[in-house]
């Protein structure tokens, strides 16, 4: 009779995978991930059918964590700029608090091993933010950029902002605001 699966072990494997993927990218081995999780490599395959399954599940877990952070307290009835400011700050807070997860998510986003189904599932949870962007674009309040492009602009400017916040912590508020203003200028309509 098979032993019941432990949520603790599954989470340990995912946590280790995030750290190893952040460091090594897609070339990370399941042996290294298992070692970091302090489980046997065979145990890893008790929880995940193969490496691709692990990477896709990790991608979904990371997207869920980011989504939960960005949508917590999301002001549905606020102006578009206020909603964008909320999303910006929540993203920065999550990314600064979870640097390995941020880097792993960035690597997985570019990975061919993450399936289209996983990408869709991961992005579907951001529907309130995507809907606000699409609605604002239709009303002419935003430049006519596809939502994924707006996300890429946000991510790029957020990375720059996080670098400056890390190097100049005494001026974190200034750089956080400047980064948002650059983002807003890039997406807002005339």
C-alpha atoms as a PDB file:
ATOM      1  CA  UNK A   1       0.000   0.000   0.000  1.00  0.00           C
ATOM      2  CA  UNK A   2       1.371   3.394  -0.997  1.00  0.00           C
ATOM      3  CA  UNK A   3       2.028   5.963   1.680  1.00  0.00           C
ATOM      4  CA  UNK A   4      -0.147   9.073   1.619  1.00  0.00           C
ATOM      5  CA  UNK A   5       1.528  12.091   0.093  1.00  0.00           C
ATOM      6  CA  UNK A   6       2.708  14.810   2.430  1.00  0.00           C
ATOM      7  CA  UNK A   7       1.830  18.415   1.626  1.00  0.00           C
ATOM      8  CA  UNK A   8       4.954  19.389   3.572  1.00  0.00           C
ATOM      9  CA  UNK A   9       7.209  17.316   1.273  1.00  0.00           C
ATOM     10  CA  UNK A  10       5.483  18.628  -1.838  1.00  0.00           C
ATOM     11  CA  UNK A  11       5.999  22.201  -0.640  1.00  0.00           C
ATOM     12  CA  UNK A  12       9.636  21.463   0.238  1.00  0.00           C
ATOM     13  CA  UNK A  13      10.222  20.151  -3.284  1.00  0.00           C
ATOM     14  CA  UNK A  14       8.562  23.195  -4.855  1.00  0.00           C
ATOM     15  CA  UNK A  15      10.524  25.558  -2.628  1.00  0.00           C
ATOM     16  CA  UNK A  16      13.791  23.817  -3.464  1.00  0.00           C
ATOM     17  CA  UNK A  17      12.879  23.822  -7.150  1.00  0.00           C
ATOM     18  CA  UNK A  18      12.280  27.591  -7.054  1.00  0.00           C
ATOM     19  CA  UNK A  19      15.722  28.172  -5.572  1.00  0.00           C
ATOM     20  CA  UNK A  20      17.514  25.834  -7.947  1.00  0.00           C
ATOM     21  CA  UNK A  21      15.630  27.093 -11.023  1.00  0.00           C
ATOM     22  CA  UNK A  22      16.373  30.685  -9.979  1.00  0.00           C
ATOM     23  CA  UNK A  23      20.052  29.787  -9.840  1.00  0.00           C
ATOM     24  CA  UNK A  24      20.423  27.370 -12.766  1.00  0.00           C
ATOM     25  CA  UNK A  25      17.367  27.822 -14.967  1.00  0.00           C
ATOM     26  CA  UNK A  26      15.986  24.937 -16.962  1.00  0.00           C
ATOM     27  CA  UNK A  27      19.269  23.032 -16.789  1.00  0.00           C
ATOM     28  CA  UNK A  28      18.635  22.299 -13.098  1.00  0.00           C
ATOM     29  CA  UNK A  29      18.518  18.585 -12.443  1.00  0.00           C
ATOM     30  CA  UNK A  30      15.883  16.769 -10.452  1.00  0.00           C
ATOM     31  CA  UNK A  31      18.740  15.248  -8.430  1.00  0.00           C
ATOM     32  CA  UNK A  32      19.841  18.723  -7.318  1.00  0.00           C
ATOM     33  CA  UNK A  33      16.271  19.762  -6.553  1.00  0.00           C
ATOM     34  CA  UNK A  34      15.704  16.601  -4.498  1.00  0.00           C
ATOM     35  CA  UNK A  35      18.973  17.161  -2.626  1.00  0.00           C
ATOM     36  CA  UNK A  36      17.986  20.746  -1.769  1.00  0.00           C
ATOM     37  CA  UNK A  37      14.547  19.533  -0.657  1.00  0.00           C
ATOM     38  CA  UNK A  38      16.222  16.834   1.457  1.00  0.00           C
ATOM     39  CA  UNK A  39      14.249  14.048  -0.178  1.00  0.00           C
ATOM     40  CA  UNK A  40      15.306  11.121  -2.328  1.00  0.00           C
ATOM     41  CA  UNK A  41      15.086  11.757  -6.049  1.00  0.00           C
ATOM     42  CA  UNK A  42      12.540   8.939  -6.282  1.00  0.00           C
ATOM     43  CA  UNK A  43      10.390  10.760  -3.733  1.00  0.00           C
ATOM     44  CA  UNK A  44      10.324  13.784  -6.036  1.00  0.00           C
ATOM     45  CA  UNK A  45       8.744  11.548  -8.685  1.00  0.00           C
ATOM     46  CA  UNK A  46       6.105  10.424  -6.201  1.00  0.00           C
ATOM     47  CA  UNK A  47       4.826  13.988  -6.231  1.00  0.00           C
ATOM     48  CA  UNK A  48       5.570  14.967  -9.829  1.00  0.00           C
ATOM     49  CA  UNK A  49       5.351  12.644 -12.834  1.00  0.00           C
ATOM     50  CA  UNK A  50       8.502  14.077 -14.423  1.00  0.00           C
ATOM     51  CA  UNK A  51      10.598  17.219 -14.564  1.00  0.00           C
ATOM     52  CA  UNK A  52       8.164  18.968 -16.909  1.00  0.00           C
ATOM     53  CA  UNK A  53       5.321  18.293 -14.497  1.00  0.00           C
ATOM     54  CA  UNK A  54       7.416  19.743 -11.667  1.00  0.00           C
ATOM     55  CA  UNK A  55       8.267  22.865 -13.691  1.00  0.00           C
ATOM     56  CA  UNK A  56       4.646  23.408 -14.690  1.00  0.00           C
ATOM     57  CA  UNK A  57       3.400  22.929 -11.131  1.00  0.00           C
ATOM     58  CA  UNK A  58       6.083  25.312  -9.860  1.00  0.00           C
ATOM     59  CA  UNK A  59       5.076  27.879 -12.480  1.00  0.00           C
ATOM     60  CA  UNK A  60       1.444  27.640 -11.358  1.00  0.00           C
ATOM     61  CA  UNK A  61       2.389  27.898  -7.668  1.00  0.00           C
ATOM     62  CA  UNK A  62       4.534  30.972  -8.301  1.00  0.00           C
ATOM     63  CA  UNK A  63       1.847  32.631 -10.408  1.00  0.00           C
ATOM     64  CA  UNK A  64      -0.692  31.902  -7.647  1.00  0.00           C
ATOM     65  CA  UNK A  65       1.535  33.513  -5.023  1.00  0.00           C
ATOM     66  CA  UNK A  66       2.036  36.596  -7.164  1.00  0.00           C
ATOM     67  CA  UNK A  67      -1.663  36.740  -8.033  1.00  0.00           C
ATOM     68  CA  UNK A  68      -2.673  36.506  -4.371  1.00  0.00           C
ATOM     69  CA  UNK A  69      -0.302  39.339  -3.512  1.00  0.00           C
ATOM     70  CA  UNK A  70      -1.471  41.576  -6.359  1.00  0.00           C
ATOM     71  CA  UNK A  71      -5.181  40.972  -5.877  1.00  0.00           C
ATOM     72  CA  UNK A  72      -5.170  41.228  -2.073  1.00  0.00           C
ATOM     73  CA  UNK A  73      -7.059  44.429  -1.384  1.00  0.00           C
ATOM     74  CA  UNK A  74      -7.305  45.198  -5.110  1.00  0.00           C
ATOM     75  CA  UNK A  75      -9.528  48.297  -5.371  1.00  0.00           C
ATOM     76  CA  UNK A  76     -12.047  47.163  -8.026  1.00  0.00           C
ATOM     77  CA  UNK A  77     -13.956  50.468  -7.950  1.00  0.00           C
ATOM     78  CA  UNK A  78     -10.961  52.816  -7.926  1.00  0.00           C
ATOM     79  CA  UNK A  79      -9.671  54.751 -10.923  1.00  0.00           C
ATOM     80  CA  UNK A  80      -7.512  52.879 -13.392  1.00  0.00           C
ATOM     81  CA  UNK A  81      -4.429  54.764 -12.196  1.00  0.00           C
ATOM     82  CA  UNK A  82      -5.158  53.810  -8.561  1.00  0.00           C
ATOM     83  CA  UNK A  83      -5.645  50.168  -9.540  1.00  0.00           C
ATOM     84  CA  UNK A  84      -2.393  50.245 -11.504  1.00  0.00           C
ATOM     85  CA  UNK A  85      -0.613  51.822  -8.501  1.00  0.00           C
ATOM     86  CA  UNK A  86      -1.959  49.059  -6.261  1.00  0.00           C
ATOM     87  CA  UNK A  87      -0.827  46.334  -8.698  1.00  0.00           C
ATOM     88  CA  UNK A  88       2.592  47.996  -9.066  1.00  0.00           C
ATOM     89  CA  UNK A  89       3.215  48.196  -5.329  1.00  0.00           C
ATOM     90  CA  UNK A  90       1.911  44.698  -4.657  1.00  0.00           C
ATOM     91  CA  UNK A  91       4.158  43.297  -7.388  1.00  0.00           C
ATOM     92  CA  UNK A  92       7.210  45.108  -6.002  1.00  0.00           C
ATOM     93  CA  UNK A  93       6.425  44.001  -2.448  1.00  0.00           C
ATOM     94  CA  UNK A  94       6.058  40.349  -3.536  1.00  0.00           C
ATOM     95  CA  UNK A  95       9.160  40.398  -5.723  1.00  0.00           C
ATOM     96  CA  UNK A  96      11.350  42.044  -3.082  1.00  0.00           C
ATOM     97  CA  UNK A  97      10.117  39.609  -0.411  1.00  0.00           C
ATOM     98  CA  UNK A  98      10.586  36.565  -2.692  1.00  0.00           C
ATOM     99  CA  UNK A  99      13.727  37.102  -4.804  1.00  0.00           C
ATOM    100  CA  UNK A 100      14.315  33.423  -5.649  1.00  0.00           C
ATOM    101  CA  UNK A 101      10.681  32.945  -6.599  1.00  0.00           C
ATOM    102  CA  UNK A 102      10.787  36.105  -8.722  1.00  0.00           C
ATOM    103  CA  UNK A 103      13.843  34.885 -10.609  1.00  0.00           C
ATOM    104  CA  UNK A 104      12.443  31.364 -10.995  1.00  0.00           C
ATOM    105  CA  UNK A 105       9.174  32.758 -12.357  1.00  0.00           C
ATOM    106  CA  UNK A 106      11.071  34.918 -14.835  1.00  0.00           C
ATOM    107  CA  UNK A 107      13.041  31.888 -16.038  1.00  0.00           C
ATOM    108  CA  UNK A 108       9.959  29.675 -16.233  1.00  0.00           C
ATOM    109  CA  UNK A 109       8.049  32.345 -18.143  1.00  0.00           C
ATOM    110  CA  UNK A 110      10.646  32.018 -20.910  1.00  0.00           C
ATOM    111  CA  UNK A 111      10.878  28.238 -20.719  1.00  0.00           C
ATOM    112  CA  UNK A 112       9.552  26.091 -23.542  1.00  0.00           C
ATOM    113  CA  UNK A 113       8.842  23.389 -20.941  1.00  0.00           C
ATOM    114  CA  UNK A 114       5.948  25.363 -19.485  1.00  0.00           C
ATOM    115  CA  UNK A 115       2.872  24.356 -21.452  1.00  0.00           C
ATOM    116  CA  UNK A 116       0.343  26.705 -23.007  1.00  0.00           C
ATOM    117  CA  UNK A 117      -2.278  25.206 -20.693  1.00  0.00           C
ATOM    118  CA  UNK A 118      -0.158  26.154 -17.661  1.00  0.00           C
ATOM    119  CA  UNK A 119       0.431  29.638 -19.034  1.00  0.00           C
ATOM    120  CA  UNK A 120      -3.283  30.137 -19.581  1.00  0.00           C
ATOM    121  CA  UNK A 121      -4.159  28.808 -16.127  1.00  0.00           C
ATOM    122  CA  UNK A 122      -1.479  30.978 -14.544  1.00  0.00           C
ATOM    123  CA  UNK A 123      -2.662  34.105 -16.310  1.00  0.00           C
ATOM    124  CA  UNK A 124      -6.395  33.494 -15.874  1.00  0.00           C
ATOM    125  CA  UNK A 125      -6.174  34.360 -12.202  1.00  0.00           C
ATOM    126  CA  UNK A 126      -5.167  37.914 -13.065  1.00  0.00           C
ATOM    127  CA  UNK A 127      -8.540  38.510 -14.762  1.00  0.00           C
ATOM    128  CA  UNK A 128      -9.509  41.630 -12.732  1.00  0.00           C
ATOM    129  CA  UNK A 129      -6.272  43.367 -13.725  1.00  0.00           C
ATOM    130  CA  UNK A 130      -6.428  42.201 -17.352  1.00  0.00           C
ATOM    131  CA  UNK A 131     -10.089  43.220 -17.611  1.00  0.00           C
ATOM    132  CA  UNK A 132      -9.323  46.703 -16.291  1.00  0.00           C
ATOM    133  CA  UNK A 133      -6.537  47.120 -18.857  1.00  0.00           C
ATOM    134  CA  UNK A 134      -8.701  45.872 -21.724  1.00  0.00           C
ATOM    135  CA  UNK A 135     -11.616  48.079 -20.702  1.00  0.00           C
ATOM    136  CA  UNK A 136      -9.395  51.138 -20.399  1.00  0.00           C
ATOM    137  CA  UNK A 137      -7.798  50.456 -23.791  1.00  0.00           C
ATOM    138  CA  UNK A 138     -11.240  50.119 -25.401  1.00  0.00           C
ATOM    139  CA  UNK A 139     -12.213  53.504 -23.922  1.00  0.00           C
ATOM    140  CA  UNK A 140      -9.032  55.083 -25.275  1.00  0.00           C
ATOM    141  CA  UNK A 141      -7.531  55.621 -21.820  1.00  0.00           C
ATOM    142  CA  UNK A 142      -4.530  53.418 -22.545  1.00  0.00           C
ATOM    143  CA  UNK A 143      -2.285  53.003 -25.510  1.00  0.00           C
ATOM    144  CA  UNK A 144      -3.375  50.085 -27.663  1.00  0.00           C
ATOM    145  CA  UNK A 145      -0.856  47.543 -26.359  1.00  0.00           C
ATOM    146  CA  UNK A 146      -1.700  43.870 -25.881  1.00  0.00           C
ATOM    147  CA  UNK A 147      -2.106  42.981 -22.196  1.00  0.00           C
ATOM    148  CA  UNK A 148       0.977  40.677 -22.237  1.00  0.00           C
ATOM    149  CA  UNK A 149       3.063  43.586 -23.574  1.00  0.00           C
ATOM    150  CA  UNK A 150       1.789  45.858 -20.790  1.00  0.00           C
ATOM    151  CA  UNK A 151       2.803  43.114 -18.330  1.00  0.00           C
ATOM    152  CA  UNK A 152       6.264  42.934 -19.894  1.00  0.00           C
ATOM    153  CA  UNK A 153       6.665  46.719 -19.646  1.00  0.00           C
ATOM    154  CA  UNK A 154       5.611  46.552 -15.997  1.00  0.00           C
ATOM    155  CA  UNK A 155       8.032  43.723 -15.287  1.00  0.00           C
ATOM    156  CA  UNK A 156      10.976  45.470 -16.958  1.00  0.00           C
ATOM    157  CA  UNK A 157      10.411  48.740 -15.141  1.00  0.00           C
ATOM    158  CA  UNK A 158       9.788  46.902 -11.874  1.00  0.00           C
ATOM    159  CA  UNK A 159      13.134  45.094 -12.227  1.00  0.00           C
ATOM    160  CA  UNK A 160      14.903  48.423 -12.714  1.00  0.00           C
ATOM    161  CA  UNK A 161      13.016  49.894  -9.761  1.00  0.00           C
ATOM    162  CA  UNK A 162      13.927  46.924  -7.544  1.00  0.00           C
ATOM    163  CA  UNK A 163      17.606  47.298  -8.454  1.00  0.00           C
ATOM    164  CA  UNK A 164      17.563  50.939  -7.381  1.00  0.00           C
ATOM    165  CA  UNK A 165      15.562  50.196  -4.224  1.00  0.00           C
ATOM    166  CA  UNK A 166      18.155  47.544  -3.297  1.00  0.00           C
ATOM    167  CA  UNK A 167      21.115  49.844  -3.944  1.00  0.00           C
ATOM    168  CA  UNK A 168      19.561  52.979  -2.431  1.00  0.00           C
ATOM    169  CA  UNK A 169      17.186  51.823   0.337  1.00  0.00           C
ATOM    170  CA  UNK A 170      16.992  55.291   1.877  1.00  0.00           C
ATOM    171  CA  UNK A 171      15.369  56.472  -1.359  1.00  0.00           C
ATOM    172  CA  UNK A 172      13.109  53.444  -1.914  1.00  0.00           C
ATOM    173  CA  UNK A 173       9.909  55.513  -1.957  1.00  0.00           C
ATOM    174  CA  UNK A 174      11.323  57.884  -4.529  1.00  0.00           C
ATOM    175  CA  UNK A 175      12.344  55.069  -6.872  1.00  0.00           C
ATOM    176  CA  UNK A 176       9.089  53.174  -6.348  1.00  0.00           C
ATOM    177  CA  UNK A 177       7.125  56.269  -7.392  1.00  0.00           C
ATOM    178  CA  UNK A 178       9.473  57.131 -10.274  1.00  0.00           C
ATOM    179  CA  UNK A 179       9.224  53.589 -11.603  1.00  0.00           C
ATOM    180  CA  UNK A 180       5.433  53.720 -11.478  1.00  0.00           C
ATOM    181  CA  UNK A 181       5.379  57.086 -13.251  1.00  0.00           C
ATOM    182  CA  UNK A 182       7.552  55.646 -16.026  1.00  0.00           C
ATOM    183  CA  UNK A 183       5.211  52.640 -16.275  1.00  0.00           C
ATOM    184  CA  UNK A 184       2.114  54.828 -16.326  1.00  0.00           C
ATOM    185  CA  UNK A 185       3.613  57.089 -19.001  1.00  0.00           C
ATOM    186  CA  UNK A 186       4.390  54.037 -21.122  1.00  0.00           C
ATOM    187  CA  UNK A 187       0.843  52.676 -21.033  1.00  0.00           C
ATOM    188  CA  UNK A 188      -1.470  55.660 -20.520  1.00  0.00           C
ATOM    189  CA  UNK A 189      -3.138  57.238 -23.514  1.00  0.00           C
ATOM    190  CA  UNK A 190      -2.572  60.843 -24.467  1.00  0.00           C
END
